[in-house]
Amino acid sequence: MNGRIDSGLGEITIDTEVISTYAGAVAVECFGIVGMAGVSMRDGLVKILRRDSLKHGITVRITKENKIQLDFHVIVAYGTNIAAISDNLVSNVKYKVEDFTGMEIEKINIFVEGVRAID
């Protein structure tokens, strides 16, 4: 289901891939996030995604009330506080995605899929 905004002159439809791409770009800017994670269902392996594949580490759902629910699969930097990273990610993504789309975010779930040392 796509997001919908009533502009007064008509309806604007936002594809979930647009939301996931934007949310992924916002997420990798956050301190402590090394990258988005792609999880292979076949063998259970986690790999870090390239910058052009960020949307694959995010699941976007639009509720019947036209609110956004996001699931992030992330890889965090070794030695950082996961709770602090999560708080930062939630606040940045919530503010920027709501501003970008004009829609409300109902829920953000964060799945830490791995830890990686920063070079």
C-alpha atoms as a PDB file:
ATOM      1  CA  MET A   1       0.000   0.000   0.000  1.00  0.00           C
ATOM      2  CA  ASN A   2       1.308   3.458  -0.883  1.00  0.00           C
ATOM      3  CA  GLY A   3       1.107   6.586   1.252  1.00  0.00           C
ATOM      4  CA  ARG A   4      -1.528   9.154   0.383  1.00  0.00           C
ATOM      5  CA  ILE A   5      -1.680  12.897   0.991  1.00  0.00           C
ATOM      6  CA  ASP A   6      -4.681  15.056   0.104  1.00  0.00           C
ATOM      7  CA  SER A   7      -3.360  18.350  -1.285  1.00  0.00           C
ATOM      8  CA  GLY A   8      -6.734  20.030  -1.623  1.00  0.00           C
ATOM      9  CA  LEU A   9      -6.505  19.915  -5.408  1.00  0.00           C
ATOM     10  CA  GLY A  10      -5.997  16.184  -5.624  1.00  0.00           C
ATOM     11  CA  GLU A  11      -4.269  13.213  -4.041  1.00  0.00           C
ATOM     12  CA  ILE A  12      -0.505  12.679  -3.861  1.00  0.00           C
ATOM     13  CA  THR A  13       0.645   9.057  -3.736  1.00  0.00           C
ATOM     14  CA  ILE A  14       4.073   8.177  -2.322  1.00  0.00           C
ATOM     15  CA  ASP A  15       5.513   4.752  -3.170  1.00  0.00           C
ATOM     16  CA  THR A  16       6.968   2.767  -0.267  1.00  0.00           C
ATOM     17  CA  GLU A  17      10.276   2.401  -2.161  1.00  0.00           C
ATOM     18  CA  VAL A  18      10.690   6.184  -2.128  1.00  0.00           C
ATOM     19  CA  ILE A  19      10.140   6.224   1.624  1.00  0.00           C
ATOM     20  CA  SER A  20      12.557   3.324   2.213  1.00  0.00           C
ATOM     21  CA  THR A  21      15.290   4.889   0.053  1.00  0.00           C
ATOM     22  CA  TYR A  22      15.016   8.228   1.858  1.00  0.00           C
ATOM     23  CA  ALA A  23      14.850   6.593   5.309  1.00  0.00           C
ATOM     24  CA  GLY A  24      17.951   4.515   4.478  1.00  0.00           C
ATOM     25  CA  ALA A  25      19.894   7.604   3.439  1.00  0.00           C
ATOM     26  CA  VAL A  26      18.915   9.333   6.701  1.00  0.00           C
ATOM     27  CA  ALA A  27      19.835   6.248   8.750  1.00  0.00           C
ATOM     28  CA  VAL A  28      23.389   5.880   7.435  1.00  0.00           C
ATOM     29  CA  GLU A  29      24.055   9.536   8.327  1.00  0.00           C
ATOM     30  CA  CYS A  30      23.412   8.742  12.013  1.00  0.00           C
ATOM     31  CA  PHE A  31      26.374   8.308  14.371  1.00  0.00           C
ATOM     32  CA  GLY A  32      27.200   4.670  15.073  1.00  0.00           C
ATOM     33  CA  ILE A  33      25.402   3.214  12.051  1.00  0.00           C
ATOM     34  CA  VAL A  34      27.957   1.507   9.801  1.00  0.00           C
ATOM     35  CA  GLY A  35      25.364   0.530   7.218  1.00  0.00           C
ATOM     36  CA  MET A  36      22.137  -1.235   6.431  1.00  0.00           C
ATOM     37  CA  ALA A  37      22.043  -5.016   6.606  1.00  0.00           C
ATOM     38  CA  GLY A  38      20.706  -7.421   4.036  1.00  0.00           C
ATOM     39  CA  VAL A  39      19.657 -10.747   5.549  1.00  0.00           C
ATOM     40  CA  SER A  40      19.653 -13.796   3.300  1.00  0.00           C
ATOM     41  CA  MET A  41      16.637 -15.933   4.165  1.00  0.00           C
ATOM     42  CA  ARG A  42      18.202 -18.906   2.405  1.00  0.00           C
ATOM     43  CA  ASP A  43      21.357 -19.209   4.495  1.00  0.00           C
ATOM     44  CA  GLY A  44      20.809 -16.713   7.339  1.00  0.00           C
ATOM     45  CA  LEU A  45      23.898 -14.663   6.466  1.00  0.00           C
ATOM     46  CA  VAL A  46      23.991 -10.915   7.040  1.00  0.00           C
ATOM     47  CA  LYS A  47      25.859  -8.627   4.657  1.00  0.00           C
ATOM     48  CA  ILE A  48      26.366  -4.890   4.635  1.00  0.00           C
ATOM     49  CA  LEU A  49      24.559  -3.200   1.754  1.00  0.00           C
ATOM     50  CA  ARG A  50      26.129  -0.742  -0.672  1.00  0.00           C
ATOM     51  CA  ARG A  51      24.933   2.857  -0.687  1.00  0.00           C
ATOM     52  CA  ASP A  52      22.696   2.246  -3.728  1.00  0.00           C
ATOM     53  CA  SER A  53      20.952  -0.740  -2.062  1.00  0.00           C
ATOM     54  CA  LEU A  54      19.940   0.871   1.232  1.00  0.00           C
ATOM     55  CA  LYS A  55      16.226   0.317   0.698  1.00  0.00           C
ATOM     56  CA  HIS A  56      16.725  -3.463   0.970  1.00  0.00           C
ATOM     57  CA  GLY A  57      17.592  -3.117   4.664  1.00  0.00           C
ATOM     58  CA  ILE A  58      14.295  -1.375   5.401  1.00  0.00           C
ATOM     59  CA  THR A  59      10.703  -2.557   5.405  1.00  0.00           C
ATOM     60  CA  VAL A  60       7.985   0.078   5.018  1.00  0.00           C
ATOM     61  CA  ARG A  61       4.339  -0.542   5.844  1.00  0.00           C
ATOM     62  CA  ILE A  62       1.502   1.971   5.473  1.00  0.00           C
ATOM     63  CA  THR A  63      -1.392   1.409   7.886  1.00  0.00           C
ATOM     64  CA  LYS A  64      -5.082   1.850   7.111  1.00  0.00           C
ATOM     65  CA  GLU A  65      -4.861   5.163   9.000  1.00  0.00           C
ATOM     66  CA  ASN A  66      -2.180   6.276   6.465  1.00  0.00           C
ATOM     67  CA  LYS A  67       0.665   6.151   9.012  1.00  0.00           C
ATOM     68  CA  ILE A  68       4.158   4.798   8.356  1.00  0.00           C
ATOM     69  CA  GLN A  69       5.733   1.814  10.127  1.00  0.00           C
ATOM     70  CA  LEU A  70       9.455   1.195   9.523  1.00  0.00           C
ATOM     71  CA  ASP A  71      11.725  -1.787  10.239  1.00  0.00           C
ATOM     72  CA  PHE A  72      15.475  -1.092  10.052  1.00  0.00           C
ATOM     73  CA  HIS A  73      18.073  -3.877   9.791  1.00  0.00           C
ATOM     74  CA  VAL A  74      21.340  -2.172  10.719  1.00  0.00           C
ATOM     75  CA  ILE A  75      24.988  -2.880  11.391  1.00  0.00           C
ATOM     76  CA  VAL A  76      26.420  -0.781  14.211  1.00  0.00           C
ATOM     77  CA  ALA A  77      29.945   0.352  15.025  1.00  0.00           C
ATOM     78  CA  TYR A  78      31.872  -1.716  17.557  1.00  0.00           C
ATOM     79  CA  GLY A  79      32.175  -0.085  20.984  1.00  0.00           C
ATOM     80  CA  THR A  80      29.205   2.245  20.679  1.00  0.00           C
ATOM     81  CA  ASN A  81      26.135   2.284  22.906  1.00  0.00           C
ATOM     82  CA  ILE A  82      23.315   0.568  21.001  1.00  0.00           C
ATOM     83  CA  ALA A  83      20.592   2.348  23.004  1.00  0.00           C
ATOM     84  CA  ALA A  84      22.107   5.760  22.182  1.00  0.00           C
ATOM     85  CA  ILE A  85      22.448   4.827  18.507  1.00  0.00           C
ATOM     86  CA  SER A  86      18.822   3.657  18.428  1.00  0.00           C
ATOM     87  CA  ASP A  87      17.524   6.840  20.088  1.00  0.00           C
ATOM     88  CA  ASN A  88      19.482   8.960  17.611  1.00  0.00           C
ATOM     89  CA  LEU A  89      18.257   6.899  14.655  1.00  0.00           C
ATOM     90  CA  VAL A  90      14.607   7.070  15.744  1.00  0.00           C
ATOM     91  CA  SER A  91      14.620  10.820  16.362  1.00  0.00           C
ATOM     92  CA  ASN A  92      16.442  11.669  13.095  1.00  0.00           C
ATOM     93  CA  VAL A  93      14.377   9.349  10.927  1.00  0.00           C
ATOM     94  CA  LYS A  94      11.083  10.382  12.534  1.00  0.00           C
ATOM     95  CA  TYR A  95      11.751  14.092  12.042  1.00  0.00           C
ATOM     96  CA  LYS A  96      13.182  13.913   8.523  1.00  0.00           C
ATOM     97  CA  VAL A  97      10.795  11.314   7.047  1.00  0.00           C
ATOM     98  CA  GLU A  98       7.727  13.051   8.476  1.00  0.00           C
ATOM     99  CA  ASP A  99       8.984  16.356   7.065  1.00  0.00           C
ATOM    100  CA  PHE A 100       9.766  14.746   3.678  1.00  0.00           C
ATOM    101  CA  THR A 101       6.480  12.856   3.265  1.00  0.00           C
ATOM    102  CA  GLY A 102       3.999  14.909   5.283  1.00  0.00           C
ATOM    103  CA  MET A 103       2.846  11.641   6.866  1.00  0.00           C
ATOM    104  CA  GLU A 104       3.079  10.546  10.494  1.00  0.00           C
ATOM    105  CA  ILE A 105       5.391   7.745  11.614  1.00  0.00           C
ATOM    106  CA  GLU A 106       3.571   5.355  13.906  1.00  0.00           C
ATOM    107  CA  LYS A 107       6.348   2.871  14.709  1.00  0.00           C
ATOM    108  CA  ILE A 108      10.075   2.329  14.116  1.00  0.00           C
ATOM    109  CA  ASN A 109      11.587  -1.085  14.841  1.00  0.00           C
ATOM    110  CA  ILE A 110      15.366  -1.492  14.846  1.00  0.00           C
ATOM    111  CA  PHE A 111      17.020  -4.885  14.349  1.00  0.00           C
ATOM    112  CA  VAL A 112      20.767  -4.880  15.009  1.00  0.00           C
ATOM    113  CA  GLU A 113      22.040  -7.551  12.634  1.00  0.00           C
ATOM    114  CA  GLY A 114      25.763  -7.132  13.241  1.00  0.00           C
ATOM    115  CA  VAL A 115      28.662  -5.200  14.685  1.00  0.00           C
ATOM    116  CA  ARG A 116      31.627  -3.992  12.678  1.00  0.00           C
ATOM    117  CA  ALA A 117      34.838  -2.215  13.628  1.00  0.00           C
ATOM    118  CA  ILE A 118      35.260   1.178  12.014  1.00  0.00           C
ATOM    119  CA  ASP A 119      38.461   1.466   9.972  1.00  0.00           C
END
